[in-house]
Amino acid sequence: MPDCDLCQAVNPDVGDCTLQRHLHAGQQRIVAASEYAAAVPTIGAFVPGYLLVVPKTHVLSLGQLNDDELAGVEDLAHDLANQLHQVYRRPILTFEYGLNLPAGRRICHGHLHMLPSTADLSEWLAARTPGFEIASYAQVPRSPDTSYITVRDQTGTLTCYPVPNDAFPRIRLREVVARLDPQIEDAAWDWQAHPFPELMRATVDDLTTVTPAARRAPASRAGAPR
């Protein structure tokens, strides 16, 4: 979709896009890619290593992908989780808000959030809404009128939480993670107010160094609002 920020971000043929403008001139934005998905630093990266894993097909949620596309996203996320843990030496949290509501949010292109974090998002959600463990993303709700949240916690357990197919009331997962993780300032969750371009650039540098020996020490500072 030409006017979608994430479609542009994961298309290597697009030279200028919203995400690219937060990076250094000429700095690559795609840190990993496969046939079906690509990973980019997120605008509002309140910790170094914060990525979005984005399917190349424009859909509202991962549950709307076909089986091959969904498996491709999951495989790339698995590889990235290992890389993030190796680079940042912190547990990795992955989540998606699969809101299947057209025009229900600012970014209407499904994506996974992946970041080094100790936030226990699963525990927070479990206290508020019923969930169930699933073996893979192939088991998320696939109906276009059903919304959900998935969390792959720091142990690798994947849980799905069905939620109303409605933009209100909205669970702001980035805000919850920021409040649960002591390394993150509470107000840092708002990506539009606090884009953290310096941490986006550091993330690209940390994850695109060719050889381990050449890798500089990864950025360790969590974001603080300015």
Protein backbone atom coordinates (compact mmCIF):
# COMPACT_ATOMS: atom_id res chain seq x y z
CA MET A 1 0.00 0.00 0.00
CA PRO A 2 1.77 3.19 -1.20
CA ASP A 3 0.73 5.43 1.72
CA CYS A 4 1.54 2.89 4.47
CA ASP A 5 4.60 3.82 6.55
CA LEU A 6 5.49 0.18 7.24
CA CYS A 7 5.03 -0.93 3.64
CA GLN A 8 7.53 1.76 2.71
CA ALA A 9 9.88 0.91 5.58
CA VAL A 10 10.30 -2.75 4.58
CA ASN A 11 10.60 -2.06 0.84
CA PRO A 12 14.30 -1.77 -0.03
CA ASP A 13 13.40 0.03 -3.26
CA VAL A 14 12.01 2.98 -1.28
CA GLY A 15 14.82 5.40 -0.56
CA ASP A 16 12.97 8.00 1.49
CA CYS A 17 10.29 7.20 4.05
CA THR A 18 9.18 8.29 7.51
CA LEU A 19 11.40 5.79 9.30
CA GLN A 20 14.46 6.55 7.16
CA ARG A 21 14.31 10.23 8.14
CA HIS A 22 15.11 9.29 11.75
CA LEU A 23 18.37 7.58 10.75
CA HIS A 24 21.72 8.90 9.61
CA ALA A 25 22.01 9.75 5.93
CA GLY A 26 22.68 6.54 4.05
CA GLN A 27 22.17 4.32 7.11
CA GLN A 28 20.31 1.14 6.26
CA ARG A 29 16.98 0.64 8.01
CA ILE A 30 16.28 -3.04 7.26
CA VAL A 31 18.35 -5.07 9.74
CA ALA A 32 17.06 -8.50 8.64
CA ALA A 33 14.74 -9.82 5.96
CA SER A 34 13.28 -13.00 4.55
CA GLU A 35 10.91 -13.82 1.71
CA TYR A 36 7.88 -12.84 3.76
CA ALA A 37 9.01 -10.28 6.36
CA ALA A 38 11.59 -7.71 7.33
CA ALA A 39 12.79 -6.17 10.59
CA VAL A 40 13.37 -2.46 11.16
CA PRO A 41 14.09 -0.31 14.22
CA THR A 42 10.91 1.20 15.56
CA ILE A 43 10.28 4.92 15.79
CA GLY A 44 10.08 5.43 19.54
CA ALA A 45 12.77 2.86 20.37
CA PHE A 46 12.89 3.47 24.11
CA VAL A 47 15.56 0.78 24.50
CA PRO A 48 18.33 -0.18 22.08
CA GLY A 49 17.44 -3.31 20.16
CA TYR A 50 13.73 -2.47 19.84
CA LEU A 51 12.57 -3.82 16.48
CA LEU A 52 9.39 -4.25 14.50
CA VAL A 53 9.04 -7.47 12.52
CA VAL A 54 6.80 -6.53 9.62
CA PRO A 55 5.16 -8.84 7.06
CA LYS A 56 5.71 -7.70 3.50
CA THR A 57 2.02 -8.26 2.78
CA HIS A 58 -0.17 -5.39 3.96
CA VAL A 59 -2.59 -6.81 6.54
CA LEU A 60 -4.16 -5.47 9.73
CA SER A 61 -2.80 -8.33 11.85
CA LEU A 62 -0.59 -11.38 11.50
CA GLY A 63 -3.68 -13.55 11.72
CA GLN A 64 -4.71 -12.33 8.26
CA LEU A 65 -1.58 -13.73 6.61
CA ASN A 66 -1.63 -17.06 4.80
CA ASP A 67 0.10 -20.03 6.41
CA ASP A 68 3.40 -19.63 4.54
CA GLU A 69 3.60 -15.91 5.28
CA LEU A 70 2.80 -16.44 8.95
CA ALA A 71 5.44 -19.15 9.27
CA GLY A 72 7.94 -16.85 7.57
CA VAL A 73 7.27 -14.07 10.07
CA GLU A 74 7.65 -16.49 12.97
CA ASP A 75 10.91 -17.93 11.63
CA LEU A 76 12.43 -14.47 11.21
CA ALA A 77 11.29 -13.46 14.71
CA HIS A 78 12.85 -16.61 16.17
CA ASP A 79 16.20 -15.85 14.54
CA LEU A 80 16.06 -12.23 15.67
CA ALA A 81 15.26 -13.18 19.26
CA ASN A 82 18.46 -15.20 19.36
CA GLN A 83 20.45 -12.34 17.83
CA LEU A 84 19.00 -9.73 20.18
CA HIS A 85 19.78 -11.86 23.21
CA GLN A 86 23.33 -12.43 21.98
CA VAL A 87 23.96 -8.73 21.37
CA TYR A 88 22.20 -7.17 24.37
CA ARG A 89 22.43 -9.99 26.93
CA ARG A 90 18.90 -9.35 28.12
CA PRO A 91 15.69 -11.41 27.93
CA ILE A 92 13.58 -10.73 24.84
CA LEU A 93 9.90 -9.78 24.88
CA THR A 94 7.72 -10.07 21.76
CA PHE A 95 4.13 -8.90 21.40
CA GLU A 96 1.47 -8.00 18.85
CA TYR A 97 -1.77 -6.08 19.17
CA GLY A 98 -3.77 -7.79 16.43
CA LEU A 99 -6.50 -5.17 16.15
CA ASN A 100 -8.56 -6.11 13.08
CA LEU A 101 -10.34 -2.81 12.84
CA PRO A 102 -9.77 -0.66 9.73
CA ALA A 103 -8.74 2.87 10.72
CA GLY A 104 -8.68 1.74 14.35
CA ARG A 105 -5.10 2.88 14.98
CA ARG A 106 -2.35 5.07 13.61
CA ILE A 107 -0.42 2.21 11.95
CA CYS A 108 -2.81 -0.14 10.12
CA HIS A 109 -0.20 -2.73 9.13
CA GLY A 110 0.22 -5.73 11.42
CA HIS A 111 3.62 -6.15 13.07
CA LEU A 112 5.45 -7.77 15.97
CA HIS A 113 7.24 -5.70 18.60
CA MET A 114 10.54 -7.26 19.76
CA LEU A 115 12.74 -5.73 22.42
CA PRO A 116 15.18 -6.55 25.22
CA SER A 117 13.02 -6.15 28.33
CA THR A 118 12.21 -7.69 31.69
CA ALA A 119 8.59 -6.44 31.59
CA ASP A 120 6.16 -9.21 32.56
CA LEU A 121 3.50 -8.28 30.05
CA SER A 122 1.88 -11.72 30.22
CA GLU A 123 1.28 -11.44 33.94
CA TRP A 124 -0.19 -7.96 33.53
CA LEU A 125 -2.57 -9.11 30.80
CA ALA A 126 -3.54 -12.33 32.60
CA ALA A 127 -4.82 -10.28 35.53
CA ARG A 128 -7.17 -8.42 33.20
CA THR A 129 -8.27 -10.74 30.40
CA PRO A 130 -8.36 -14.52 29.85
CA GLY A 131 -5.67 -15.97 27.61
CA PHE A 132 -4.51 -19.34 26.37
CA GLU A 133 -1.13 -20.77 25.45
CA ILE A 134 -0.51 -21.51 21.78
CA ALA A 135 2.27 -23.44 20.08
CA SER A 136 2.81 -21.01 17.20
CA TYR A 137 1.37 -17.96 15.48
CA ALA A 138 -0.58 -20.32 13.21
CA GLN A 139 -3.03 -20.64 16.12
CA VAL A 140 -3.91 -16.96 16.47
CA PRO A 141 -7.49 -15.99 15.54
CA ARG A 142 -7.72 -15.85 11.75
CA SER A 143 -11.14 -14.26 11.36
CA PRO A 144 -11.01 -10.67 10.08
CA ASP A 145 -13.56 -9.57 12.68
CA THR A 146 -11.71 -11.02 15.70
CA SER A 147 -8.93 -9.14 17.51
CA TYR A 148 -6.28 -10.44 19.88
CA ILE A 149 -3.01 -9.74 21.67
CA THR A 150 -0.11 -12.18 21.59
CA VAL A 151 2.85 -12.19 23.94
CA ARG A 152 5.93 -14.36 23.67
CA ASP A 153 7.46 -13.92 27.08
CA GLN A 154 11.08 -14.10 28.14
CA THR A 155 10.86 -17.91 28.57
CA GLY A 156 9.59 -18.39 25.02
CA THR A 157 6.00 -19.16 26.05
CA LEU A 158 3.50 -17.81 23.51
CA THR A 159 0.09 -16.72 24.83
CA CYS A 160 -2.93 -15.37 22.98
CA TYR A 161 -5.43 -13.00 24.63
CA PRO A 162 -8.69 -12.40 22.71
CA VAL A 163 -9.75 -8.75 22.98
CA PRO A 164 -12.74 -6.75 21.70
CA ASN A 165 -12.66 -5.82 18.04
CA ASP A 166 -12.93 -2.19 19.03
CA ALA A 167 -10.49 0.71 19.31
CA PHE A 168 -12.01 1.75 22.66
CA PRO A 169 -11.15 0.94 25.34
CA ARG A 170 -7.63 0.53 24.02
CA ILE A 171 -4.79 -1.26 25.80
CA ARG A 172 -1.62 0.71 25.08
CA LEU A 173 0.92 -2.09 25.24
CA ARG A 174 3.98 0.14 24.81
CA GLU A 175 2.84 2.19 27.78
CA VAL A 176 2.34 -0.96 29.87
CA VAL A 177 5.80 -2.26 28.97
CA ALA A 178 7.40 1.09 29.82
CA ARG A 179 5.73 1.09 33.24
CA LEU A 180 6.66 -2.53 33.99
CA ASP A 181 10.32 -2.31 32.98
CA PRO A 182 12.42 -0.34 35.50
CA GLN A 183 15.01 0.59 32.87
CA ILE A 184 12.43 2.65 30.93
CA GLU A 185 11.02 6.04 31.85
CA ASP A 186 7.23 5.81 32.14
CA ALA A 187 6.59 8.67 29.72
CA ALA A 188 8.88 7.21 27.04
CA TRP A 189 6.17 5.00 25.55
CA ASP A 190 4.66 7.67 23.27
CA TRP A 191 6.53 7.13 20.01
CA GLN A 192 5.14 10.25 18.37
CA ALA A 193 6.30 12.51 21.21
CA HIS A 194 9.57 10.65 21.85
CA PRO A 195 10.95 9.01 18.68
CA PHE A 196 14.44 8.37 20.16
CA PRO A 197 16.33 8.58 16.84
CA GLU A 198 19.67 8.09 18.60
CA LEU A 199 18.56 4.70 19.90
CA MET A 200 17.14 3.75 16.51
CA ARG A 201 20.52 4.50 14.93
CA ALA A 202 22.38 2.60 17.64
CA THR A 203 20.10 -0.40 17.11
CA VAL A 204 20.95 -0.51 13.41
CA ASP A 205 24.66 -0.26 14.19
CA ASP A 206 24.47 -2.97 16.84
CA LEU A 207 22.65 -5.44 14.60
CA THR A 208 24.27 -4.92 11.21
CA THR A 209 27.97 -5.24 12.05
CA VAL A 210 29.34 -7.97 9.81
CA THR A 211 31.71 -9.72 12.21
CA PRO A 212 31.47 -10.08 16.00
CA ALA A 213 35.05 -8.90 16.40
CA ALA A 214 34.19 -5.63 14.71
CA ARG A 215 31.05 -5.02 16.75
CA ARG A 216 31.24 -2.06 19.06
CA ALA A 217 29.77 -2.30 22.54
CA PRO A 218 25.98 -2.17 22.09
CA ALA A 219 24.12 0.88 23.26
CA SER A 220 22.91 0.31 26.81
CA ARG A 221 21.04 3.46 27.69
CA ALA A 222 17.27 3.24 27.89
CA GLY A 223 15.30 6.17 26.60
CA ALA A 224 14.36 9.14 28.72
CA PRO A 225 11.87 11.66 27.35
CA ARG A 226 13.22 15.02 26.35
